[in-house]
Amino acid sequence: MKIVPVGHALSVFFAITFMLCVIWGLLTPQSMHMHQAWAPLLPGFHWISFPGFLIGLAEAYLYGWYAALLFVPLYNLFNRERM
């Protein structure tokens, strides 16, 4: 498995998920928001400001690369064929 396609796929997935959650938070009542859970996970994210949104989006993208950098080598290690 190659790390670059997995890194881009996970990063875009996390970024899209973040954007959908922000949209959900803007359309629903306060009791259904996720921003309180994001605060410890996304340093610099503040509900809702444009700079905070951009920081959260960038961090979500970087978390995708973090996951790929850990997952792909582990997958390749455990998926290699034994001789």
N, C-alpha and C. Protein backbone atom coordinates (compact mmCIF):
# COMPACT_ATOMS: atom_id res chain seq x y z
N MET A 1 0.85 -1.17 0.00
CA MET A 1 0.00 0.00 0.00
C MET A 1 0.90 1.24 0.00
N LYS A 2 0.56 2.20 -0.82
CA LYS A 2 1.37 3.41 -0.93
C LYS A 2 0.82 4.50 -0.01
N ILE A 3 1.74 5.24 0.60
CA ILE A 3 1.36 6.19 1.63
C ILE A 3 0.71 7.46 1.06
N VAL A 4 1.14 7.92 -0.12
CA VAL A 4 0.64 9.19 -0.65
C VAL A 4 -0.86 9.12 -0.98
N PRO A 5 -1.35 8.11 -1.70
CA PRO A 5 -2.79 8.08 -1.96
C PRO A 5 -3.61 7.92 -0.69
N VAL A 6 -3.11 7.12 0.24
CA VAL A 6 -3.84 6.93 1.51
C VAL A 6 -3.83 8.24 2.30
N GLY A 7 -2.70 8.93 2.32
CA GLY A 7 -2.62 10.21 3.03
C GLY A 7 -3.57 11.24 2.48
N HIS A 8 -3.63 11.36 1.16
CA HIS A 8 -4.56 12.32 0.56
C HIS A 8 -6.01 11.91 0.80
N ALA A 9 -6.30 10.62 0.66
CA ALA A 9 -7.68 10.16 0.84
C ALA A 9 -8.16 10.39 2.27
N LEU A 10 -7.36 10.04 3.26
CA LEU A 10 -7.75 10.25 4.64
C LEU A 10 -7.87 11.73 4.98
N SER A 11 -6.94 12.52 4.47
CA SER A 11 -6.96 13.95 4.75
C SER A 11 -8.19 14.63 4.17
N VAL A 12 -8.53 14.31 2.95
CA VAL A 12 -9.73 14.89 2.33
C VAL A 12 -10.98 14.38 3.03
N PHE A 13 -11.00 13.11 3.41
CA PHE A 13 -12.13 12.56 4.16
C PHE A 13 -12.33 13.32 5.47
N PHE A 14 -11.25 13.53 6.24
CA PHE A 14 -11.36 14.26 7.50
C PHE A 14 -11.77 15.71 7.29
N ALA A 15 -11.25 16.34 6.24
CA ALA A 15 -11.61 17.74 5.96
C ALA A 15 -13.08 17.86 5.57
N ILE A 16 -13.57 16.95 4.74
CA ILE A 16 -14.98 16.98 4.36
C ILE A 16 -15.86 16.71 5.57
N THR A 17 -15.47 15.76 6.40
CA THR A 17 -16.23 15.46 7.61
C THR A 17 -16.28 16.67 8.53
N PHE A 18 -15.16 17.36 8.69
CA PHE A 18 -15.12 18.57 9.51
C PHE A 18 -16.07 19.63 8.96
N MET A 19 -16.03 19.85 7.64
CA MET A 19 -16.92 20.85 7.04
C MET A 19 -18.39 20.48 7.22
N LEU A 20 -18.72 19.20 7.05
CA LEU A 20 -20.10 18.77 7.24
C LEU A 20 -20.55 18.96 8.70
N CYS A 21 -19.65 18.71 9.64
CA CYS A 21 -19.99 18.91 11.05
C CYS A 21 -20.20 20.39 11.37
N VAL A 22 -19.41 21.28 10.77
CA VAL A 22 -19.60 22.71 10.97
C VAL A 22 -20.94 23.15 10.39
N ILE A 23 -21.25 22.67 9.20
CA ILE A 23 -22.55 23.00 8.59
C ILE A 23 -23.68 22.49 9.47
N TRP A 24 -23.54 21.25 9.96
CA TRP A 24 -24.55 20.68 10.86
C TRP A 24 -24.72 21.56 12.10
N GLY A 25 -23.60 22.01 12.66
CA GLY A 25 -23.65 22.86 13.85
C GLY A 25 -24.32 24.19 13.59
N LEU A 26 -24.19 24.72 12.38
CA LEU A 26 -24.84 25.98 12.05
C LEU A 26 -26.34 25.83 11.83
N LEU A 27 -26.77 24.63 11.45
CA LEU A 27 -28.18 24.41 11.12
C LEU A 27 -29.01 23.82 12.25
N THR A 28 -28.37 23.35 13.30
CA THR A 28 -29.09 22.66 14.38
C THR A 28 -29.02 23.45 15.68
N PRO A 29 -29.87 23.07 16.64
CA PRO A 29 -29.84 23.75 17.95
C PRO A 29 -28.52 23.51 18.68
N GLN A 30 -28.25 24.36 19.65
CA GLN A 30 -26.99 24.32 20.41
C GLN A 30 -26.73 22.96 21.04
N SER A 31 -27.75 22.25 21.46
CA SER A 31 -27.56 20.98 22.15
C SER A 31 -27.00 19.87 21.25
N MET A 32 -27.03 20.07 19.93
CA MET A 32 -26.57 19.05 19.00
C MET A 32 -25.21 19.36 18.38
N HIS A 33 -24.50 20.33 18.92
CA HIS A 33 -23.21 20.75 18.35
C HIS A 33 -22.08 19.84 18.80
N MET A 34 -21.04 19.78 17.98
CA MET A 34 -19.85 18.99 18.28
C MET A 34 -18.66 19.86 18.70
N HIS A 35 -18.81 21.18 18.68
CA HIS A 35 -17.65 22.04 18.89
C HIS A 35 -16.99 21.86 20.26
N GLN A 36 -17.74 21.43 21.26
CA GLN A 36 -17.13 21.21 22.58
C GLN A 36 -16.19 20.02 22.55
N ALA A 37 -16.48 19.03 21.72
CA ALA A 37 -15.60 17.87 21.59
C ALA A 37 -14.37 18.21 20.76
N TRP A 38 -14.49 19.17 19.84
CA TRP A 38 -13.36 19.52 18.98
C TRP A 38 -12.30 20.33 19.70
N ALA A 39 -12.68 21.11 20.69
CA ALA A 39 -11.75 22.03 21.34
C ALA A 39 -10.46 21.34 21.81
N PRO A 40 -10.53 20.20 22.49
CA PRO A 40 -9.26 19.57 22.88
C PRO A 40 -8.53 18.90 21.72
N LEU A 41 -9.24 18.55 20.66
CA LEU A 41 -8.63 17.84 19.54
C LEU A 41 -8.05 18.77 18.48
N LEU A 42 -8.59 19.96 18.37
CA LEU A 42 -8.17 20.91 17.35
C LEU A 42 -7.73 22.22 18.01
N PRO A 43 -6.49 22.30 18.47
CA PRO A 43 -6.01 23.54 19.11
C PRO A 43 -6.15 24.74 18.18
N GLY A 44 -6.69 25.82 18.69
CA GLY A 44 -6.88 27.02 17.90
C GLY A 44 -8.26 27.13 17.27
N PHE A 45 -9.05 26.04 17.32
CA PHE A 45 -10.40 26.08 16.77
C PHE A 45 -11.32 26.76 17.76
N HIS A 46 -12.05 27.76 17.27
CA HIS A 46 -13.03 28.46 18.11
C HIS A 46 -14.35 28.49 17.36
N TRP A 47 -15.43 28.19 18.06
CA TRP A 47 -16.76 28.19 17.44
C TRP A 47 -17.30 29.58 17.43
N ILE A 48 -17.77 30.08 16.40
CA ILE A 48 -17.44 29.90 15.02
C ILE A 48 -16.86 31.21 14.56
N SER A 49 -15.64 31.14 14.13
CA SER A 49 -14.97 32.28 13.52
C SER A 49 -14.29 31.76 12.26
N PHE A 50 -14.09 32.63 11.31
CA PHE A 50 -13.47 32.19 10.06
C PHE A 50 -12.04 31.71 10.28
N PRO A 51 -11.21 32.44 11.06
CA PRO A 51 -9.87 31.90 11.32
C PRO A 51 -9.92 30.57 12.07
N GLY A 52 -10.84 30.43 13.01
CA GLY A 52 -10.99 29.16 13.72
C GLY A 52 -11.40 28.03 12.80
N PHE A 53 -12.29 28.33 11.86
CA PHE A 53 -12.70 27.33 10.86
C PHE A 53 -11.52 26.89 10.02
N LEU A 54 -10.71 27.84 9.55
CA LEU A 54 -9.55 27.50 8.72
C LEU A 54 -8.53 26.68 9.50
N ILE A 55 -8.31 27.04 10.76
CA ILE A 55 -7.39 26.26 11.59
C ILE A 55 -7.91 24.84 11.78
N GLY A 56 -9.20 24.71 12.08
CA GLY A 56 -9.79 23.39 12.25
C GLY A 56 -9.71 22.56 10.98
N LEU A 57 -9.95 23.19 9.83
CA LEU A 57 -9.87 22.49 8.55
C LEU A 57 -8.45 22.02 8.27
N ALA A 58 -7.48 22.88 8.51
CA ALA A 58 -6.07 22.50 8.30
C ALA A 58 -5.66 21.37 9.24
N GLU A 59 -6.09 21.46 10.50
CA GLU A 59 -5.73 20.41 11.46
C GLU A 59 -6.41 19.09 11.12
N ALA A 60 -7.64 19.13 10.65
CA ALA A 60 -8.32 17.91 10.22
C ALA A 60 -7.54 17.27 9.06
N TYR A 61 -7.09 18.10 8.13
CA TYR A 61 -6.30 17.58 7.01
C TYR A 61 -4.99 16.96 7.50
N LEU A 62 -4.33 17.61 8.43
CA LEU A 62 -3.07 17.08 8.97
C LEU A 62 -3.29 15.79 9.76
N TYR A 63 -4.40 15.68 10.46
CA TYR A 63 -4.71 14.43 11.16
C TYR A 63 -4.85 13.27 10.18
N GLY A 64 -5.33 13.54 8.98
CA GLY A 64 -5.40 12.50 7.96
C GLY A 64 -4.02 11.99 7.60
N TRP A 65 -3.07 12.90 7.44
CA TRP A 65 -1.70 12.49 7.14
C TRP A 65 -1.06 11.77 8.32
N TYR A 66 -1.37 12.21 9.52
CA TYR A 66 -0.86 11.53 10.71
C TYR A 66 -1.34 10.09 10.74
N ALA A 67 -2.62 9.88 10.48
CA ALA A 67 -3.17 8.53 10.47
C ALA A 67 -2.53 7.69 9.37
N ALA A 68 -2.33 8.26 8.19
CA ALA A 68 -1.71 7.53 7.09
C ALA A 68 -0.26 7.16 7.40
N LEU A 69 0.47 8.09 8.01
CA LEU A 69 1.87 7.84 8.34
C LEU A 69 2.02 6.72 9.36
N LEU A 70 1.03 6.52 10.20
CA LEU A 70 1.06 5.40 11.14
C LEU A 70 0.47 4.13 10.54
N PHE A 71 -0.64 4.27 9.82
CA PHE A 71 -1.38 3.09 9.35
C PHE A 71 -0.66 2.35 8.23
N VAL A 72 -0.20 3.05 7.22
CA VAL A 72 0.36 2.40 6.04
C VAL A 72 1.59 1.55 6.37
N PRO A 73 2.57 2.05 7.11
CA PRO A 73 3.69 1.17 7.45
C PRO A 73 3.27 -0.05 8.29
N LEU A 74 2.33 0.16 9.21
CA LEU A 74 1.85 -0.97 10.00
C LEU A 74 1.12 -1.98 9.13
N TYR A 75 0.29 -1.50 8.23
CA TYR A 75 -0.41 -2.39 7.31
C TYR A 75 0.58 -3.17 6.46
N ASN A 76 1.56 -2.47 5.91
CA ASN A 76 2.56 -3.14 5.07
C ASN A 76 3.38 -4.15 5.88
N LEU A 77 3.67 -3.83 7.11
CA LEU A 77 4.42 -4.77 7.96
C LEU A 77 3.63 -6.06 8.19
N PHE A 78 2.37 -5.92 8.53
CA PHE A 78 1.57 -7.10 8.84
C PHE A 78 1.02 -7.80 7.62
N ASN A 79 1.08 -7.16 6.47
CA ASN A 79 0.54 -7.75 5.25
C ASN A 79 1.61 -8.40 4.37
N ARG A 80 2.86 -8.25 4.73
CA ARG A 80 3.90 -8.85 3.90
C ARG A 80 3.83 -10.38 3.99
N GLU A 81 4.25 -10.99 2.92
CA GLU A 81 4.18 -12.46 2.85
C GLU A 81 5.37 -13.07 3.57
N ARG A 82 5.08 -14.14 4.28
CA ARG A 82 6.12 -14.88 4.99
C ARG A 82 6.73 -15.90 4.06
N MET A 83 8.03 -16.11 4.13
CA MET A 83 8.68 -17.11 3.29
C MET A 83 8.94 -18.37 4.06
